[in-house]
Amino acid sequence: MPQAATFNRSDTLLGVCEAIGQDLGINPLWIRLALTLGLFWNAAAIVGLYAALAVAVYAARRLTPVTAAQPSVAPAALAADNDAGAVEVKAAA
């Protein structure tokens, strides 16, 4: 899924936790849990933090869009290489 699409999804609230989870490589559930627990400590600070994170994530996604990486070798060539490797393993055994 493209990164900018996290803001357009109907099942998230701006997609902040999802986007941060993607960027950091962690499960967004842990971020959601930390923010939820923080609401009991200081709700105003957490709401402000969430709003600031939403602005930061939105700006980062707009300024540095990630494009899909193009494979340097055609998939058919990769399949041929894999078949040749399988034959070599069988012959060696």
PDB file of N, CA and C in Angstrom:
ATOM      1  N   MET A   1       0.855  -1.166   0.000  1.00  0.00           N
ATOM      2  CA  MET A   1       0.000   0.000   0.000  1.00  0.00           C
ATOM      3  C   MET A   1       0.903   1.232   0.000  1.00  0.00           C
ATOM      4  N   PRO A   2       0.608   2.213  -0.822  1.00  0.00           N
ATOM      5  CA  PRO A   2       1.422   3.425  -0.832  1.00  0.00           C
ATOM      6  C   PRO A   2       1.354   4.135   0.508  1.00  0.00           C
ATOM      7  N   GLN A   3       2.423   4.830   0.829  1.00  0.00           N
ATOM      8  CA  GLN A   3       2.502   5.466   2.130  1.00  0.00           C
ATOM      9  C   GLN A   3       1.471   6.577   2.307  1.00  0.00           C
ATOM     10  N   ALA A   4       1.219   7.372   1.300  1.00  0.00           N
ATOM     11  CA  ALA A   4       0.286   8.487   1.429  1.00  0.00           C
ATOM     12  C   ALA A   4      -1.139   8.004   1.676  1.00  0.00           C
ATOM     13  N   ALA A   5      -1.432   6.748   1.339  1.00  0.00           N
ATOM     14  CA  ALA A   5      -2.793   6.228   1.476  1.00  0.00           C
ATOM     15  C   ALA A   5      -3.207   6.056   2.932  1.00  0.00           C
ATOM     16  N   THR A   6      -2.282   6.106   3.894  1.00  0.00           N
ATOM     17  CA  THR A   6      -2.668   5.915   5.286  1.00  0.00           C
ATOM     18  C   THR A   6      -3.596   7.019   5.762  1.00  0.00           C
ATOM     19  N   PHE A   7      -3.509   8.211   5.188  1.00  0.00           N
ATOM     20  CA  PHE A   7      -4.376   9.304   5.601  1.00  0.00           C
ATOM     21  C   PHE A   7      -5.772   9.177   5.010  1.00  0.00           C
ATOM     22  N   ASN A   8      -5.907   8.428   3.941  1.00  0.00           N
ATOM     23  CA  ASN A   8      -7.184   8.323   3.244  1.00  0.00           C
ATOM     24  C   ASN A   8      -8.013   7.122   3.666  1.00  0.00           C
ATOM     25  N   ARG A   9      -7.475   6.271   4.516  1.00  0.00           N
ATOM     26  CA  ARG A   9      -8.200   5.067   4.924  1.00  0.00           C
ATOM     27  C   ARG A   9      -9.318   5.410   5.897  1.00  0.00           C
ATOM     28  N   SER A  10     -10.424   4.678   5.784  1.00  0.00           N
ATOM     29  CA  SER A  10     -11.572   4.957   6.646  1.00  0.00           C
ATOM     30  C   SER A  10     -11.476   4.241   7.997  1.00  0.00           C
ATOM     31  N   ASP A  11     -10.558   3.283   8.142  1.00  0.00           N
ATOM     32  CA  ASP A  11     -10.471   2.526   9.387  1.00  0.00           C
ATOM     33  C   ASP A  11      -9.399   3.050  10.341  1.00  0.00           C
ATOM     34  N   THR A  12      -8.803   4.191  10.042  1.00  0.00           N
ATOM     35  CA  THR A  12      -7.801   4.772  10.930  1.00  0.00           C
ATOM     36  C   THR A  12      -8.112   6.233  11.197  1.00  0.00           C
ATOM     37  N   LEU A  13      -7.508   6.763  12.243  1.00  0.00           N
ATOM     38  CA  LEU A  13      -7.634   8.177  12.545  1.00  0.00           C
ATOM     39  C   LEU A  13      -6.361   8.860  12.057  1.00  0.00           C
ATOM     40  N   LEU A  14      -6.375   9.301  10.822  1.00  0.00           N
ATOM     41  CA  LEU A  14      -5.244   9.929  10.131  1.00  0.00           C
ATOM     42  C   LEU A  14      -4.105   8.962   9.834  1.00  0.00           C
ATOM     43  N   GLY A  15      -4.140   7.757  10.317  1.00  0.00           N
ATOM     44  CA  GLY A  15      -3.118   6.767  10.012  1.00  0.00           C
ATOM     45  C   GLY A  15      -1.765   7.042  10.628  1.00  0.00           C
ATOM     46  N   VAL A  16      -1.735   7.793  11.708  1.00  0.00           N
ATOM     47  CA  VAL A  16      -0.468   8.195  12.321  1.00  0.00           C
ATOM     48  C   VAL A  16       0.292   6.992  12.867  1.00  0.00           C
ATOM     49  N   CYS A  17      -0.351   6.179  13.659  1.00  0.00           N
ATOM     50  CA  CYS A  17       0.330   5.024  14.254  1.00  0.00           C
ATOM     51  C   CYS A  17       0.754   4.033  13.179  1.00  0.00           C
ATOM     52  N   GLU A  18      -0.077   3.843  12.188  1.00  0.00           N
ATOM     53  CA  GLU A  18       0.245   2.945  11.080  1.00  0.00           C
ATOM     54  C   GLU A  18       1.476   3.443  10.329  1.00  0.00           C
ATOM     55  N   ALA A  19       1.515   4.726  10.031  1.00  0.00           N
ATOM     56  CA  ALA A  19       2.642   5.299   9.291  1.00  0.00           C
ATOM     57  C   ALA A  19       3.934   5.246  10.108  1.00  0.00           C
ATOM     58  N   ILE A  20       3.850   5.557  11.389  1.00  0.00           N
ATOM     59  CA  ILE A  20       5.045   5.501  12.236  1.00  0.00           C
ATOM     60  C   ILE A  20       5.518   4.059  12.370  1.00  0.00           C
ATOM     61  N   GLY A  21       4.583   3.134  12.487  1.00  0.00           N
ATOM     62  CA  GLY A  21       4.945   1.727  12.549  1.00  0.00           C
ATOM     63  C   GLY A  21       5.647   1.258  11.284  1.00  0.00           C
ATOM     64  N   GLN A  22       5.171   1.702  10.124  1.00  0.00           N
ATOM     65  CA  GLN A  22       5.819   1.357   8.863  1.00  0.00           C
ATOM     66  C   GLN A  22       7.229   1.930   8.810  1.00  0.00           C
ATOM     67  N   ASP A  23       7.367   3.178   9.210  1.00  0.00           N
ATOM     68  CA  ASP A  23       8.669   3.839   9.140  1.00  0.00           C
ATOM     69  C   ASP A  23       9.680   3.227  10.095  1.00  0.00           C
ATOM     70  N   LEU A  24       9.241   2.856  11.282  1.00  0.00           N
ATOM     71  CA  LEU A  24      10.154   2.302  12.281  1.00  0.00           C
ATOM     72  C   LEU A  24      10.264   0.786  12.218  1.00  0.00           C
ATOM     73  N   GLY A  25       9.382   0.160  11.460  1.00  0.00           N
ATOM     74  CA  GLY A  25       9.419  -1.291  11.331  1.00  0.00           C
ATOM     75  C   GLY A  25       8.903  -2.023  12.561  1.00  0.00           C
ATOM     76  N   ILE A  26       7.955  -1.406  13.263  1.00  0.00           N
ATOM     77  CA  ILE A  26       7.370  -2.053  14.432  1.00  0.00           C
ATOM     78  C   ILE A  26       5.865  -2.157  14.242  1.00  0.00           C
ATOM     79  N   ASN A  27       5.250  -2.972  15.060  1.00  0.00           N
ATOM     80  CA  ASN A  27       3.809  -3.158  14.996  1.00  0.00           C
ATOM     81  C   ASN A  27       3.125  -1.890  15.504  1.00  0.00           C
ATOM     82  N   PRO A  28       2.221  -1.298  14.717  1.00  0.00           N
ATOM     83  CA  PRO A  28       1.541  -0.073  15.145  1.00  0.00           C
ATOM     84  C   PRO A  28       0.685  -0.259  16.396  1.00  0.00           C
ATOM     85  N   LEU A  29       0.356  -1.494  16.733  1.00  0.00           N
ATOM     86  CA  LEU A  29      -0.427  -1.756  17.939  1.00  0.00           C
ATOM     87  C   LEU A  29       0.314  -1.252  19.177  1.00  0.00           C
ATOM     88  N   TRP A  30       1.632  -1.406  19.224  1.00  0.00           N
ATOM     89  CA  TRP A  30       2.414  -0.943  20.378  1.00  0.00           C
ATOM     90  C   TRP A  30       2.370   0.581  20.500  1.00  0.00           C
ATOM     91  N   ILE A  31       2.371   1.266  19.381  1.00  0.00           N
ATOM     92  CA  ILE A  31       2.284   2.734  19.410  1.00  0.00           C
ATOM     93  C   ILE A  31       0.897   3.147  19.896  1.00  0.00           C
ATOM     94  N   ARG A  32      -0.122   2.486  19.393  1.00  0.00           N
ATOM     95  CA  ARG A  32      -1.495   2.786  19.831  1.00  0.00           C
ATOM     96  C   ARG A  32      -1.667   2.534  21.322  1.00  0.00           C
ATOM     97  N   LEU A  33      -1.076   1.437  21.793  1.00  0.00           N
ATOM     98  CA  LEU A  33      -1.171   1.103  23.217  1.00  0.00           C
ATOM     99  C   LEU A  33      -0.483   2.166  24.071  1.00  0.00           C
ATOM    100  N   ALA A  34       0.699   2.610  23.661  1.00  0.00           N
ATOM    101  CA  ALA A  34       1.417   3.636  24.413  1.00  0.00           C
ATOM    102  C   ALA A  34       0.632   4.948  24.451  1.00  0.00           C
ATOM    103  N   LEU A  35       0.058   5.334  23.336  1.00  0.00           N
ATOM    104  CA  LEU A  35      -0.731   6.570  23.300  1.00  0.00           C
ATOM    105  C   LEU A  35      -2.000   6.432  24.145  1.00  0.00           C
ATOM    106  N   THR A  36      -2.631   5.270  24.109  1.00  0.00           N
ATOM    107  CA  THR A  36      -3.842   5.056  24.903  1.00  0.00           C
ATOM    108  C   THR A  36      -3.538   5.111  26.397  1.00  0.00           C
ATOM    109  N   LEU A  37      -2.444   4.473  26.792  1.00  0.00           N
ATOM    110  CA  LEU A  37      -2.062   4.525  28.206  1.00  0.00           C
ATOM    111  C   LEU A  37      -1.684   5.946  28.622  1.00  0.00           C
ATOM    112  N   GLY A  38      -1.084   6.687  27.708  1.00  0.00           N
ATOM    113  CA  GLY A  38      -0.732   8.074  27.992  1.00  0.00           C
ATOM    114  C   GLY A  38      -1.949   8.962  28.198  1.00  0.00           C
ATOM    115  N   LEU A  39      -3.075   8.594  27.601  1.00  0.00           N
ATOM    116  CA  LEU A  39      -4.303   9.374  27.790  1.00  0.00           C
ATOM    117  C   LEU A  39      -4.728   9.403  29.254  1.00  0.00           C
ATOM    118  N   PHE A  40      -4.461   8.327  29.987  1.00  0.00           N
ATOM    119  CA  PHE A  40      -4.819   8.298  31.406  1.00  0.00           C
ATOM    120  C   PHE A  40      -3.886   9.175  32.236  1.00  0.00           C
ATOM    121  N   TRP A  41      -2.688   9.369  31.756  1.00  0.00           N
ATOM    122  CA  TRP A  41      -1.703  10.178  32.483  1.00  0.00           C
ATOM    123  C   TRP A  41      -1.933  11.662  32.238  1.00  0.00           C
ATOM    124  N   ASN A  42      -1.970  12.083  30.948  1.00  0.00           N
ATOM    125  CA  ASN A  42      -2.162  13.488  30.604  1.00  0.00           C
ATOM    126  C   ASN A  42      -2.815  13.546  29.222  1.00  0.00           C
ATOM    127  N   ALA A  43      -4.125  13.612  29.199  1.00  0.00           N
ATOM    128  CA  ALA A  43      -4.875  13.547  27.947  1.00  0.00           C
ATOM    129  C   ALA A  43      -4.559  14.701  27.009  1.00  0.00           C
ATOM    130  N   ALA A  44      -4.446  15.899  27.541  1.00  0.00           N
ATOM    131  CA  ALA A  44      -4.184  17.064  26.690  1.00  0.00           C
ATOM    132  C   ALA A  44      -2.823  16.948  26.002  1.00  0.00           C
ATOM    133  N   ALA A  45      -1.837  16.473  26.724  1.00  0.00           N
ATOM    134  CA  ALA A  45      -0.498  16.323  26.136  1.00  0.00           C
ATOM    135  C   ALA A  45      -0.495  15.254  25.041  1.00  0.00           C
ATOM    136  N   ILE A  46      -1.200  14.166  25.257  1.00  0.00           N
ATOM    137  CA  ILE A  46      -1.235  13.085  24.271  1.00  0.00           C
ATOM    138  C   ILE A  46      -2.001  13.514  23.023  1.00  0.00           C
ATOM    139  N   VAL A  47      -3.103  14.224  23.188  1.00  0.00           N
ATOM    140  CA  VAL A  47      -3.848  14.723  22.031  1.00  0.00           C
ATOM    141  C   VAL A  47      -2.983  15.703  21.247  1.00  0.00           C
ATOM    142  N   GLY A  48      -2.270  16.557  21.930  1.00  0.00           N
ATOM    143  CA  GLY A  48      -1.359  17.485  21.266  1.00  0.00           C
ATOM    144  C   GLY A  48      -0.218  16.752  20.570  1.00  0.00           C
ATOM    145  N   LEU A  49       0.334  15.731  21.228  1.00  0.00           N
ATOM    146  CA  LEU A  49       1.392  14.929  20.631  1.00  0.00           C
ATOM    147  C   LEU A  49       0.889  14.225  19.384  1.00  0.00           C
ATOM    148  N   TYR A  50      -0.319  13.668  19.447  1.00  0.00           N
ATOM    149  CA  TYR A  50      -0.892  12.976  18.291  1.00  0.00           C
ATOM    150  C   TYR A  50      -1.086  13.947  17.128  1.00  0.00           C
ATOM    151  N   ALA A  51      -1.576  15.145  17.412  1.00  0.00           N
ATOM    152  CA  ALA A  51      -1.764  16.148  16.361  1.00  0.00           C
ATOM    153  C   ALA A  51      -0.419  16.546  15.753  1.00  0.00           C
ATOM    154  N   ALA A  52       0.600  16.716  16.591  1.00  0.00           N
ATOM    155  CA  ALA A  52       1.929  17.072  16.088  1.00  0.00           C
ATOM    156  C   ALA A  52       2.507  15.932  15.247  1.00  0.00           C
ATOM    157  N   LEU A  53       2.313  14.697  15.696  1.00  0.00           N
ATOM    158  CA  LEU A  53       2.781  13.550  14.919  1.00  0.00           C
ATOM    159  C   LEU A  53       2.051  13.444  13.586  1.00  0.00           C
ATOM    160  N   ALA A  54       0.758  13.761  13.575  1.00  0.00           N
ATOM    161  CA  ALA A  54      -0.007  13.736  12.330  1.00  0.00           C
ATOM    162  C   ALA A  54       0.557  14.740  11.331  1.00  0.00           C
ATOM    163  N   VAL A  55       0.865  15.933  11.802  1.00  0.00           N
ATOM    164  CA  VAL A  55       1.444  16.955  10.917  1.00  0.00           C
ATOM    165  C   VAL A  55       2.823  16.513  10.430  1.00  0.00           C
ATOM    166  N   ALA A  56       3.637  15.971  11.331  1.00  0.00           N
ATOM    167  CA  ALA A  56       4.989  15.540  10.960  1.00  0.00           C
ATOM    168  C   ALA A  56       4.952  14.388   9.963  1.00  0.00           C
ATOM    169  N   VAL A  57       4.078  13.404  10.195  1.00  0.00           N
ATOM    170  CA  VAL A  57       3.975  12.267   9.280  1.00  0.00           C
ATOM    171  C   VAL A  57       3.461  12.727   7.925  1.00  0.00           C
ATOM    172  N   TYR A  58       2.460  13.588   7.924  1.00  0.00           N
ATOM    173  CA  TYR A  58       1.913  14.083   6.658  1.00  0.00           C
ATOM    174  C   TYR A  58       2.983  14.838   5.875  1.00  0.00           C
ATOM    175  N   ALA A  59       3.722  15.697   6.554  1.00  0.00           N
ATOM    176  CA  ALA A  59       4.778  16.462   5.880  1.00  0.00           C
ATOM    177  C   ALA A  59       5.872  15.534   5.361  1.00  0.00           C
ATOM    178  N   ALA A  60       6.262  14.554   6.159  1.00  0.00           N
ATOM    179  CA  ALA A  60       7.305  13.626   5.731  1.00  0.00           C
ATOM    180  C   ALA A  60       6.863  12.813   4.524  1.00  0.00           C
ATOM    181  N   ARG A  61       5.608  12.389   4.515  1.00  0.00           N
ATOM    182  CA  ARG A  61       5.111  11.587   3.390  1.00  0.00           C
ATOM    183  C   ARG A  61       5.000  12.424   2.124  1.00  0.00           C
ATOM    184  N   ARG A  62       4.694  13.695   2.257  1.00  0.00           N
ATOM    185  CA  ARG A  62       4.582  14.563   1.079  1.00  0.00           C
ATOM    186  C   ARG A  62       5.948  15.010   0.563  1.00  0.00           C
ATOM    187  N   LEU A  63       6.890  15.228   1.462  1.00  0.00           N
ATOM    188  CA  LEU A  63       8.215  15.703   1.051  1.00  0.00           C
ATOM    189  C   LEU A  63       9.102  14.589   0.522  1.00  0.00           C
ATOM    190  N   THR A  64       8.948  13.390   1.046  1.00  0.00           N
ATOM    191  CA  THR A  64       9.797  12.270   0.633  1.00  0.00           C
ATOM    192  C   THR A  64       8.948  11.069   0.261  1.00  0.00           C
ATOM    193  N   PRO A  65       8.272  11.113  -0.890  1.00  0.00           N
ATOM    194  CA  PRO A  65       7.463   9.964  -1.291  1.00  0.00           C
ATOM    195  C   PRO A  65       8.361   8.783  -1.648  1.00  0.00           C
ATOM    196  N   VAL A  66       7.906   7.597  -1.322  1.00  0.00           N
ATOM    197  CA  VAL A  66       8.644   6.386  -1.627  1.00  0.00           C
ATOM    198  C   VAL A  66       8.066   5.792  -2.900  1.00  0.00           C
ATOM    199  N   THR A  67       8.930   5.547  -3.876  1.00  0.00           N
ATOM    200  CA  THR A  67       8.486   4.929  -5.114  1.00  0.00           C
ATOM    201  C   THR A  67       8.774   3.439  -5.048  1.00  0.00           C
ATOM    202  N   ALA A  68       8.014   2.687  -5.794  1.00  0.00           N
ATOM    203  CA  ALA A  68       8.205   1.232  -5.807  1.00  0.00           C
ATOM    204  C   ALA A  68       9.520   0.914  -6.505  1.00  0.00           C
ATOM    205  N   ALA A  69      10.287   0.033  -5.913  1.00  0.00           N
ATOM    206  CA  ALA A  69      11.568  -0.363  -6.492  1.00  0.00           C
ATOM    207  C   ALA A  69      11.336  -1.262  -7.698  1.00  0.00           C
ATOM    208  N   GLN A  70      12.037  -0.983  -8.760  1.00  0.00           N
ATOM    209  CA  GLN A  70      11.940  -1.782  -9.960  1.00  0.00           C
ATOM    210  C   GLN A  70      12.968  -2.904  -9.899  1.00  0.00           C
ATOM    211  N   PRO A  71      12.583  -4.126 -10.234  1.00  0.00           N
ATOM    212  CA  PRO A  71      13.563  -5.209 -10.214  1.00  0.00           C
ATOM    213  C   PRO A  71      14.616  -4.998 -11.292  1.00  0.00           C
ATOM    214  N   SER A  72      15.864  -5.272 -10.960  1.00  0.00           N
ATOM    215  CA  SER A  72      16.942  -5.070 -11.918  1.00  0.00           C
ATOM    216  C   SER A  72      17.053  -6.234 -12.893  1.00  0.00           C
ATOM    217  N   VAL A  73      16.486  -7.380 -12.534  1.00  0.00           N
ATOM    218  CA  VAL A  73      16.522  -8.563 -13.393  1.00  0.00           C
ATOM    219  C   VAL A  73      15.083  -9.002 -13.636  1.00  0.00           C
ATOM    220  N   ALA A  74      14.808  -9.390 -14.853  1.00  0.00           N
ATOM    221  CA  ALA A  74      13.458  -9.836 -15.198  1.00  0.00           C
ATOM    222  C   ALA A  74      13.091 -11.083 -14.397  1.00  0.00           C
ATOM    223  N   PRO A  75      11.840 -11.223 -13.960  1.00  0.00           N
ATOM    224  CA  PRO A  75      11.422 -12.405 -13.190  1.00  0.00           C
ATOM    225  C   PRO A  75      11.675 -13.715 -13.933  1.00  0.00           C
ATOM    226  N   ALA A  76      11.544 -13.726 -15.256  1.00  0.00           N
ATOM    227  CA  ALA A  76      11.785 -14.951 -16.013  1.00  0.00           C
ATOM    228  C   ALA A  76      13.247 -15.379 -15.892  1.00  0.00           C
ATOM    229  N   ALA A  77      14.152 -14.398 -15.887  1.00  0.00           N
ATOM    230  CA  ALA A  77      15.574 -14.717 -15.745  1.00  0.00           C
ATOM    231  C   ALA A  77      15.863 -15.275 -14.357  1.00  0.00           C
ATOM    232  N   LEU A  78      15.190 -14.755 -13.348  1.00  0.00           N
ATOM    233  CA  LEU A  78      15.372 -15.274 -11.996  1.00  0.00           C
ATOM    234  C   LEU A  78      14.881 -16.716 -11.907  1.00  0.00           C
ATOM    235  N   ALA A  79      13.762 -17.006 -12.539  1.00  0.00           N
ATOM    236  CA  ALA A  79      13.226 -18.367 -12.518  1.00  0.00           C
ATOM    237  C   ALA A  79      14.191 -19.320 -13.219  1.00  0.00           C
ATOM    238  N   ALA A  80      14.788 -18.873 -14.318  1.00  0.00           N
ATOM    239  CA  ALA A  80      15.746 -19.723 -15.032  1.00  0.00           C
ATOM    240  C   ALA A  80      16.967 -19.987 -14.168  1.00  0.00           C
ATOM    241  N   ASP A  81      17.436 -18.969 -13.432  1.00  0.00           N
ATOM    242  CA  ASP A  81      18.581 -19.153 -12.542  1.00  0.00           C
ATOM    243  C   ASP A  81      18.246 -20.141 -11.430  1.00  0.00           C
ATOM    244  N   ASN A  82      17.052 -20.058 -10.897  1.00  0.00           N
ATOM    245  CA  ASN A  82      16.651 -20.975  -9.827  1.00  0.00           C
ATOM    246  C   ASN A  82      16.566 -22.411 -10.329  1.00  0.00           C
ATOM    247  N   ASP A  83      16.063 -22.596 -11.552  1.00  0.00           N
ATOM    248  CA  ASP A  83      15.982 -23.939 -12.116  1.00  0.00           C
ATOM    249  C   ASP A  83      17.380 -24.517 -12.341  1.00  0.00           C
ATOM    250  N   ALA A  84      18.302 -23.691 -12.816  1.00  0.00           N
ATOM    251  CA  ALA A  84      19.659 -24.163 -13.049  1.00  0.00           C
ATOM    252  C   ALA A  84      20.321 -24.548 -11.730  1.00  0.00           C
ATOM    253  N   GLY A  85      20.067 -23.785 -10.672  1.00  0.00           N
ATOM    254  CA  GLY A  85      20.635 -24.099  -9.362  1.00  0.00           C
ATOM    255  C   GLY A  85      20.083 -25.386  -8.814  1.00  0.00           C
ATOM    256  N   ALA A  86      18.825 -25.661  -9.072  1.00  0.00           N
ATOM    257  CA  ALA A  86      18.225 -26.904  -8.583  1.00  0.00           C
ATOM    258  C   ALA A  86      18.841 -28.108  -9.274  1.00  0.00           C
ATOM    259  N   VAL A  87      19.153 -27.974 -10.560  1.00  0.00           N
ATOM    260  CA  VAL A  87      19.769 -29.070 -11.309  1.00  0.00           C
ATOM    261  C   VAL A  87      21.162 -29.337 -10.772  1.00  0.00           C
ATOM    262  N   GLU A  88      21.927 -28.269 -10.475  1.00  0.00           N
ATOM    263  CA  GLU A  88      23.273 -28.428  -9.955  1.00  0.00           C
ATOM    264  C   GLU A  88      23.267 -29.130  -8.593  1.00  0.00           C
ATOM    265  N   VAL A  89      22.306 -28.803  -7.752  1.00  0.00           N
ATOM    266  CA  VAL A  89      22.225 -29.435  -6.436  1.00  0.00           C
ATOM    267  C   VAL A  89      21.914 -30.915  -6.588  1.00  0.00           C
ATOM    268  N   LYS A  90      21.017 -31.270  -7.488  1.00  0.00           N
ATOM    269  CA  LYS A  90      20.669 -32.669  -7.699  1.00  0.00           C
ATOM    270  C   LYS A  90      21.876 -33.444  -8.238  1.00  0.00           C
ATOM    271  N   ALA A  91      22.630 -32.831  -9.132  1.00  0.00           N
ATOM    272  CA  ALA A  91      23.774 -33.515  -9.716  1.00  0.00           C
ATOM    273  C   ALA A  91      24.869 -33.712  -8.688  1.00  0.00           C
ATOM    274  N   ALA A  92      25.025 -32.760  -7.781  1.00  0.00           N
ATOM    275  CA  ALA A  92      26.072 -32.860  -6.774  1.00  0.00           C
ATOM    276  C   ALA A  92      25.728 -33.900  -5.709  1.00  0.00           C
ATOM    277  N   ALA A  93      24.463 -34.105  -5.455  1.00  0.00           N
ATOM    278  CA  ALA A  93      24.056 -35.048  -4.424  1.00  0.00           C
ATOM    279  C   ALA A  93      24.162 -36.418  -4.968  1.00  0.00           C
TER     280      ALA A  93
END
